[in-house]
């Protein structure tokens, strides 16, 4: 089940969510030089990806512990998506 964020630029989906090892961020109209920042529940940055382009981005869990995170996607200094990201063990 993906989270659908209807934007003027098209929809963006994140699936699977919750994730165990990786998730896919799929942008209908594609991304150009976008950035993803993931925050923990305390608001601390735990992961960043910059200069992202394309329609489909794979986001790996790496060593993040299970829990609830917040994903913030920006492009051209504008917020494109803010979403909860659930990581299961």
C-alpha atoms as a PDB file:
ATOM      1  CA  UNK A   1       0.000   0.000   0.000  1.00  0.00           C
ATOM      2  CA  UNK A   2       1.566   3.260  -1.109  1.00  0.00           C
ATOM      3  CA  UNK A   3       1.073   6.753   0.180  1.00  0.00           C
ATOM      4  CA  UNK A   4      -0.227   8.953  -2.601  1.00  0.00           C
ATOM      5  CA  UNK A   5       0.548  12.650  -2.466  1.00  0.00           C
ATOM      6  CA  UNK A   6      -1.395  14.467  -5.147  1.00  0.00           C
ATOM      7  CA  UNK A   7       0.630  17.489  -6.202  1.00  0.00           C
ATOM      8  CA  UNK A   8       0.514  19.838  -9.152  1.00  0.00           C
ATOM      9  CA  UNK A   9       3.580  18.032 -10.466  1.00  0.00           C
ATOM     10  CA  UNK A  10       1.835  14.648 -10.428  1.00  0.00           C
ATOM     11  CA  UNK A  11       1.543  11.968  -7.809  1.00  0.00           C
ATOM     12  CA  UNK A  12       4.365  10.541  -5.719  1.00  0.00           C
ATOM     13  CA  UNK A  13       4.073   7.091  -4.174  1.00  0.00           C
ATOM     14  CA  UNK A  14       6.184   5.321  -1.556  1.00  0.00           C
ATOM     15  CA  UNK A  15       5.956   1.532  -1.453  1.00  0.00           C
ATOM     16  CA  UNK A  16       6.248  -0.655   0.466  1.00  0.00           C
ATOM     17  CA  UNK A  17       5.554   1.333   3.597  1.00  0.00           C
ATOM     18  CA  UNK A  18       6.259  -0.122   6.156  1.00  0.00           C
ATOM     19  CA  UNK A  19       9.566  -1.308   4.784  1.00  0.00           C
ATOM     20  CA  UNK A  20      12.074  -3.813   6.093  1.00  0.00           C
ATOM     21  CA  UNK A  21      15.124  -3.365   3.817  1.00  0.00           C
ATOM     22  CA  UNK A  22      14.205  -0.879   1.082  1.00  0.00           C
ATOM     23  CA  UNK A  23      11.358   1.149  -0.381  1.00  0.00           C
ATOM     24  CA  UNK A  24      10.707   2.792  -3.734  1.00  0.00           C
ATOM     25  CA  UNK A  25       9.748   6.411  -4.186  1.00  0.00           C
ATOM     26  CA  UNK A  26       7.954   6.745  -7.517  1.00  0.00           C
ATOM     27  CA  UNK A  27       7.260  10.160  -9.032  1.00  0.00           C
ATOM     28  CA  UNK A  28       4.771  10.292 -11.891  1.00  0.00           C
ATOM     29  CA  UNK A  29       6.405  13.289 -13.565  1.00  0.00           C
ATOM     30  CA  UNK A  30       9.974  12.551 -12.478  1.00  0.00           C
ATOM     31  CA  UNK A  31      12.331  14.414 -10.196  1.00  0.00           C
ATOM     32  CA  UNK A  32      15.211  16.703 -11.141  1.00  0.00           C
ATOM     33  CA  UNK A  33      17.964  17.553  -8.625  1.00  0.00           C
ATOM     34  CA  UNK A  34      15.656  16.775  -5.698  1.00  0.00           C
ATOM     35  CA  UNK A  35      16.669  16.039  -2.108  1.00  0.00           C
ATOM     36  CA  UNK A  36      15.316  13.558   0.423  1.00  0.00           C
ATOM     37  CA  UNK A  37      15.834  14.098   4.140  1.00  0.00           C
ATOM     38  CA  UNK A  38      14.707  11.548   6.715  1.00  0.00           C
ATOM     39  CA  UNK A  39      14.141  12.627  10.316  1.00  0.00           C
ATOM     40  CA  UNK A  40      13.619  10.504  13.416  1.00  0.00           C
ATOM     41  CA  UNK A  41      10.809  11.199  15.905  1.00  0.00           C
ATOM     42  CA  UNK A  42      13.049  13.732  17.701  1.00  0.00           C
ATOM     43  CA  UNK A  43      13.458  15.798  14.531  1.00  0.00           C
ATOM     44  CA  UNK A  44      17.095  14.764  14.029  1.00  0.00           C
ATOM     45  CA  UNK A  45      18.323  14.153  10.475  1.00  0.00           C
ATOM     46  CA  UNK A  46      19.214  10.465  10.161  1.00  0.00           C
ATOM     47  CA  UNK A  47      19.655  10.177   6.372  1.00  0.00           C
ATOM     48  CA  UNK A  48      20.032  12.522   3.399  1.00  0.00           C
ATOM     49  CA  UNK A  49      20.098  11.977  -0.343  1.00  0.00           C
ATOM     50  CA  UNK A  50      20.859  14.894  -2.667  1.00  0.00           C
ATOM     51  CA  UNK A  51      20.868  15.506  -6.424  1.00  0.00           C
ATOM     52  CA  UNK A  52      18.208  12.865  -7.056  1.00  0.00           C
ATOM     53  CA  UNK A  53      16.743  12.639 -10.548  1.00  0.00           C
ATOM     54  CA  UNK A  54      14.408  10.184 -12.240  1.00  0.00           C
ATOM     55  CA  UNK A  55      10.981   8.598 -11.903  1.00  0.00           C
ATOM     56  CA  UNK A  56      11.897   5.801  -9.494  1.00  0.00           C
ATOM     57  CA  UNK A  57      14.255   6.141  -6.506  1.00  0.00           C
ATOM     58  CA  UNK A  58      15.250   3.222  -4.283  1.00  0.00           C
ATOM     59  CA  UNK A  59      15.658   4.212  -0.653  1.00  0.00           C
ATOM     60  CA  UNK A  60      17.636   1.698   1.419  1.00  0.00           C
ATOM     61  CA  UNK A  61      17.123   1.222   5.142  1.00  0.00           C
ATOM     62  CA  UNK A  62      20.871   0.933   5.780  1.00  0.00           C
ATOM     63  CA  UNK A  63      21.346   0.732   9.566  1.00  0.00           C
ATOM     64  CA  UNK A  64      18.250   2.635  10.690  1.00  0.00           C
ATOM     65  CA  UNK A  65      16.481   0.921  13.601  1.00  0.00           C
ATOM     66  CA  UNK A  66      12.800   0.032  13.343  1.00  0.00           C
ATOM     67  CA  UNK A  67      10.397   2.864  14.083  1.00  0.00           C
ATOM     68  CA  UNK A  68       8.552   5.836  12.657  1.00  0.00           C
ATOM     69  CA  UNK A  69      10.417   8.389  10.549  1.00  0.00           C
ATOM     70  CA  UNK A  70       9.474  11.461   8.570  1.00  0.00           C
ATOM     71  CA  UNK A  71      10.460  11.804   4.928  1.00  0.00           C
ATOM     72  CA  UNK A  72      10.839  15.283   3.445  1.00  0.00           C
ATOM     73  CA  UNK A  73      11.250  15.602  -0.346  1.00  0.00           C
ATOM     74  CA  UNK A  74      12.248  18.961  -1.838  1.00  0.00           C
ATOM     75  CA  UNK A  75      12.919  20.200  -5.353  1.00  0.00           C
ATOM     76  CA  UNK A  76      13.812  23.741  -6.454  1.00  0.00           C
ATOM     77  CA  UNK A  77      13.635  24.870  -2.796  1.00  0.00           C
ATOM     78  CA  UNK A  78       9.996  23.746  -2.583  1.00  0.00           C
ATOM     79  CA  UNK A  79       8.552  20.937  -0.497  1.00  0.00           C
ATOM     80  CA  UNK A  80       7.150  18.288  -2.825  1.00  0.00           C
ATOM     81  CA  UNK A  81       6.235  15.674  -0.215  1.00  0.00           C
ATOM     82  CA  UNK A  82       6.201  15.200   3.535  1.00  0.00           C
ATOM     83  CA  UNK A  83       5.302  11.685   4.635  1.00  0.00           C
ATOM     84  CA  UNK A  84       5.629   9.219   7.488  1.00  0.00           C
ATOM     85  CA  UNK A  85       7.958   6.310   6.807  1.00  0.00           C
ATOM     86  CA  UNK A  86       7.558   3.148   8.859  1.00  0.00           C
ATOM     87  CA  UNK A  87      10.496   0.753   9.297  1.00  0.00           C
ATOM     88  CA  UNK A  88       9.765  -2.730  10.626  1.00  0.00           C
ATOM     89  CA  UNK A  89      12.202  -5.273  11.994  1.00  0.00           C
END
